[in-house]
């Protein structure tokens, strides 16, 4: 069976760091934009949590998955149940 491709966790972390460290402070004078950025941060955190749930379900079902770094990369970091 083919491995299930999932985004690498680092993708979420990079986006969150950018938004939290740079974008939030750059939008101090724009409350509407700043609120949208905060909502985006919450959404990304939820997405990462959902992905971790998918990983857990795959492990419980004995399905292999792999983290993808891009659409063009080969298997760089594969995970499977022990």
N, C-alpha and C. Protein backbone atom coordinates (compact mmCIF):
# COMPACT_ATOMS: atom_id res chain seq x y z
N UNK A 1 0.84 -1.19 0.00
CA UNK A 1 0.00 0.00 0.00
C UNK A 1 0.88 1.25 0.00
N UNK A 2 0.48 2.22 -0.76
CA UNK A 2 1.21 3.48 -0.85
C UNK A 2 1.11 4.26 0.46
N UNK A 3 2.19 4.95 0.80
CA UNK A 3 2.18 5.77 2.00
C UNK A 3 1.32 7.01 1.81
N UNK A 4 0.71 7.44 2.89
CA UNK A 4 -0.16 8.61 2.85
C UNK A 4 0.70 9.86 3.01
N UNK A 5 0.70 10.77 2.04
CA UNK A 5 1.52 11.99 2.16
C UNK A 5 0.86 13.02 3.08
N UNK A 6 1.66 13.56 3.99
CA UNK A 6 1.21 14.61 4.90
C UNK A 6 2.25 15.72 4.93
N UNK A 7 1.83 16.96 5.15
CA UNK A 7 2.81 18.05 5.25
C UNK A 7 3.72 17.83 6.45
N UNK A 8 4.96 18.20 6.29
CA UNK A 8 5.89 18.17 7.42
C UNK A 8 5.44 19.18 8.46
N UNK A 9 5.60 18.84 9.73
CA UNK A 9 5.20 19.77 10.80
C UNK A 9 5.92 21.10 10.71
N UNK A 10 7.12 21.09 10.16
CA UNK A 10 7.90 22.33 10.08
C UNK A 10 7.18 23.38 9.25
N UNK A 11 6.36 22.96 8.29
CA UNK A 11 5.62 23.93 7.49
C UNK A 11 4.69 24.76 8.37
N UNK A 12 4.00 24.09 9.28
CA UNK A 12 3.12 24.81 10.20
C UNK A 12 3.94 25.73 11.10
N UNK A 13 5.03 25.21 11.62
CA UNK A 13 5.84 25.99 12.55
C UNK A 13 6.41 27.25 11.91
N UNK A 14 6.87 27.14 10.68
CA UNK A 14 7.41 28.31 10.00
C UNK A 14 6.34 29.38 9.81
N UNK A 15 5.17 28.96 9.36
CA UNK A 15 4.07 29.91 9.17
C UNK A 15 3.66 30.55 10.49
N UNK A 16 3.54 29.75 11.54
CA UNK A 16 3.15 30.29 12.84
C UNK A 16 4.18 31.27 13.37
N UNK A 17 5.45 30.94 13.23
CA UNK A 17 6.50 31.86 13.71
C UNK A 17 6.46 33.18 12.96
N UNK A 18 6.31 33.12 11.66
CA UNK A 18 6.22 34.35 10.86
C UNK A 18 5.04 35.19 11.30
N UNK A 19 3.87 34.56 11.40
CA UNK A 19 2.67 35.30 11.78
C UNK A 19 2.76 35.86 13.20
N UNK A 20 3.24 35.07 14.13
CA UNK A 20 3.29 35.49 15.53
C UNK A 20 4.39 36.52 15.80
N UNK A 21 5.53 36.34 15.17
CA UNK A 21 6.67 37.22 15.46
C UNK A 21 6.71 38.49 14.62
N UNK A 22 6.23 38.40 13.41
CA UNK A 22 6.37 39.55 12.49
C UNK A 22 5.03 40.18 12.11
N UNK A 23 4.10 39.36 11.65
CA UNK A 23 2.87 39.90 11.09
C UNK A 23 2.00 40.57 12.15
N UNK A 24 1.86 39.95 13.32
CA UNK A 24 1.03 40.54 14.38
C UNK A 24 1.53 41.93 14.74
N UNK A 25 2.82 42.07 14.96
CA UNK A 25 3.35 43.39 15.35
C UNK A 25 3.27 44.39 14.20
N UNK A 26 3.35 43.93 12.97
CA UNK A 26 3.26 44.83 11.83
C UNK A 26 1.84 45.34 11.60
N UNK A 27 0.86 44.69 12.23
CA UNK A 27 -0.53 45.10 12.04
C UNK A 27 -1.10 45.81 13.27
N UNK A 28 -0.25 46.30 14.15
CA UNK A 28 -0.71 46.99 15.36
C UNK A 28 -1.65 48.14 15.06
N UNK A 29 -1.42 48.88 14.01
CA UNK A 29 -2.25 50.05 13.70
C UNK A 29 -3.50 49.70 12.89
N UNK A 30 -3.66 48.42 12.58
CA UNK A 30 -4.81 47.97 11.79
C UNK A 30 -5.55 46.86 12.54
N UNK A 31 -6.43 47.21 13.46
CA UNK A 31 -7.10 46.21 14.29
C UNK A 31 -7.86 45.13 13.52
N UNK A 32 -8.48 45.50 12.42
CA UNK A 32 -9.24 44.52 11.64
C UNK A 32 -8.29 43.49 11.03
N UNK A 33 -7.18 43.96 10.47
CA UNK A 33 -6.19 43.06 9.87
C UNK A 33 -5.55 42.20 10.97
N UNK A 34 -5.22 42.83 12.09
CA UNK A 34 -4.60 42.09 13.20
C UNK A 34 -5.52 40.96 13.68
N UNK A 35 -6.82 41.22 13.77
CA UNK A 35 -7.76 40.18 14.19
C UNK A 35 -7.81 39.04 13.18
N UNK A 36 -7.75 39.37 11.90
CA UNK A 36 -7.72 38.33 10.87
C UNK A 36 -6.46 37.47 10.99
N UNK A 37 -5.34 38.12 11.29
CA UNK A 37 -4.09 37.39 11.48
C UNK A 37 -4.21 36.45 12.69
N UNK A 38 -4.78 36.94 13.76
CA UNK A 38 -4.98 36.10 14.96
C UNK A 38 -5.88 34.90 14.63
N UNK A 39 -6.92 35.12 13.85
CA UNK A 39 -7.79 34.02 13.45
C UNK A 39 -7.05 33.01 12.58
N UNK A 40 -6.18 33.50 11.73
CA UNK A 40 -5.37 32.62 10.90
C UNK A 40 -4.44 31.77 11.77
N UNK A 41 -3.86 32.36 12.79
CA UNK A 41 -2.99 31.61 13.71
C UNK A 41 -3.78 30.49 14.39
N UNK A 42 -4.98 30.80 14.84
CA UNK A 42 -5.83 29.79 15.48
C UNK A 42 -6.14 28.66 14.49
N UNK A 43 -6.47 29.03 13.26
CA UNK A 43 -6.79 28.04 12.23
C UNK A 43 -5.59 27.13 11.96
N UNK A 44 -4.40 27.70 11.86
CA UNK A 44 -3.20 26.88 11.62
C UNK A 44 -2.93 25.94 12.79
N UNK A 45 -3.14 26.40 14.01
CA UNK A 45 -2.95 25.54 15.18
C UNK A 45 -3.96 24.38 15.15
N UNK A 46 -5.19 24.67 14.76
CA UNK A 46 -6.21 23.62 14.64
C UNK A 46 -5.83 22.63 13.54
N UNK A 47 -5.33 23.14 12.43
CA UNK A 47 -4.93 22.27 11.32
C UNK A 47 -3.82 21.32 11.75
N UNK A 48 -2.85 21.82 12.48
CA UNK A 48 -1.76 20.96 12.96
C UNK A 48 -2.31 19.92 13.93
N UNK A 49 -3.21 20.31 14.81
CA UNK A 49 -3.82 19.36 15.75
C UNK A 49 -4.60 18.29 15.00
N UNK A 50 -5.34 18.69 13.96
CA UNK A 50 -6.08 17.71 13.16
C UNK A 50 -5.14 16.76 12.43
N UNK A 51 -4.04 17.29 11.93
CA UNK A 51 -3.08 16.41 11.26
C UNK A 51 -2.52 15.40 12.24
N UNK A 52 -2.22 15.82 13.45
CA UNK A 52 -1.71 14.89 14.45
C UNK A 52 -2.74 13.80 14.76
N UNK A 53 -4.03 14.16 14.73
CA UNK A 53 -5.08 13.16 14.91
C UNK A 53 -5.08 12.16 13.76
N UNK A 54 -4.88 12.65 12.55
CA UNK A 54 -4.80 11.77 11.38
C UNK A 54 -3.62 10.82 11.52
N UNK A 55 -2.48 11.34 11.98
CA UNK A 55 -1.31 10.50 12.17
C UNK A 55 -1.59 9.40 13.20
N UNK A 56 -2.26 9.75 14.28
CA UNK A 56 -2.61 8.77 15.31
C UNK A 56 -3.55 7.71 14.74
N UNK A 57 -4.55 8.15 13.97
CA UNK A 57 -5.47 7.19 13.35
C UNK A 57 -4.75 6.26 12.39
N UNK A 58 -3.82 6.79 11.62
CA UNK A 58 -3.05 5.96 10.70
C UNK A 58 -2.24 4.92 11.47
N UNK A 59 -1.60 5.35 12.55
CA UNK A 59 -0.80 4.43 13.36
C UNK A 59 -1.68 3.34 13.95
N UNK A 60 -2.85 3.71 14.44
CA UNK A 60 -3.77 2.73 15.02
C UNK A 60 -4.27 1.74 13.98
N UNK A 61 -4.44 2.21 12.75
CA UNK A 61 -4.93 1.36 11.67
C UNK A 61 -3.81 0.62 10.95
N UNK A 62 -2.56 0.86 11.35
CA UNK A 62 -1.43 0.20 10.71
C UNK A 62 -1.10 0.76 9.33
N UNK A 63 -1.52 1.99 9.07
CA UNK A 63 -1.24 2.64 7.79
C UNK A 63 0.04 3.45 7.88
N UNK A 64 0.84 3.37 6.84
CA UNK A 64 2.07 4.15 6.80
C UNK A 64 1.77 5.53 6.23
N UNK A 65 2.51 6.52 6.73
CA UNK A 65 2.41 7.86 6.17
C UNK A 65 3.80 8.46 6.08
N UNK A 66 3.92 9.48 5.26
CA UNK A 66 5.21 10.13 5.08
C UNK A 66 5.01 11.64 5.10
N UNK A 67 6.00 12.32 5.65
CA UNK A 67 5.97 13.78 5.63
C UNK A 67 6.54 14.24 4.30
N UNK A 68 5.85 15.18 3.69
CA UNK A 68 6.30 15.75 2.42
C UNK A 68 6.79 17.17 2.66
N UNK A 69 7.89 17.48 2.06
CA UNK A 69 8.47 18.82 2.18
C UNK A 69 8.04 19.70 1.02
N UNK A 70 7.65 19.07 -0.07
CA UNK A 70 7.14 19.81 -1.23
C UNK A 70 6.35 18.83 -2.08
N UNK A 71 5.73 19.34 -3.12
CA UNK A 71 4.99 18.46 -4.02
C UNK A 71 5.93 17.64 -4.89
N UNK A 72 7.17 18.07 -5.01
CA UNK A 72 8.12 17.42 -5.91
C UNK A 72 9.11 16.51 -5.22
N UNK A 73 9.08 16.43 -3.89
CA UNK A 73 10.09 15.66 -3.18
C UNK A 73 9.71 14.20 -3.04
N UNK A 74 10.72 13.38 -2.88
CA UNK A 74 10.52 11.96 -2.59
C UNK A 74 10.35 11.80 -1.08
N UNK A 75 10.23 10.57 -0.65
CA UNK A 75 10.08 10.27 0.78
C UNK A 75 11.32 10.73 1.54
N UNK A 76 11.16 11.72 2.39
CA UNK A 76 12.28 12.19 3.18
C UNK A 76 12.16 11.76 4.64
N UNK A 77 10.95 11.57 5.11
CA UNK A 77 10.73 11.22 6.50
C UNK A 77 9.47 10.37 6.58
N UNK A 78 9.63 9.06 6.61
CA UNK A 78 8.47 8.16 6.63
C UNK A 78 8.18 7.70 8.04
N UNK A 79 6.92 7.51 8.31
CA UNK A 79 6.48 7.03 9.63
C UNK A 79 5.60 5.82 9.43
N UNK A 80 5.72 4.90 10.34
CA UNK A 80 4.84 3.75 10.35
C UNK A 80 4.73 3.24 11.77
N UNK A 81 3.71 2.48 12.06
CA UNK A 81 3.56 1.95 13.40
C UNK A 81 4.72 1.04 13.77
N UNK A 82 5.02 0.97 15.03
CA UNK A 82 6.12 0.10 15.49
C UNK A 82 5.73 -1.36 15.51
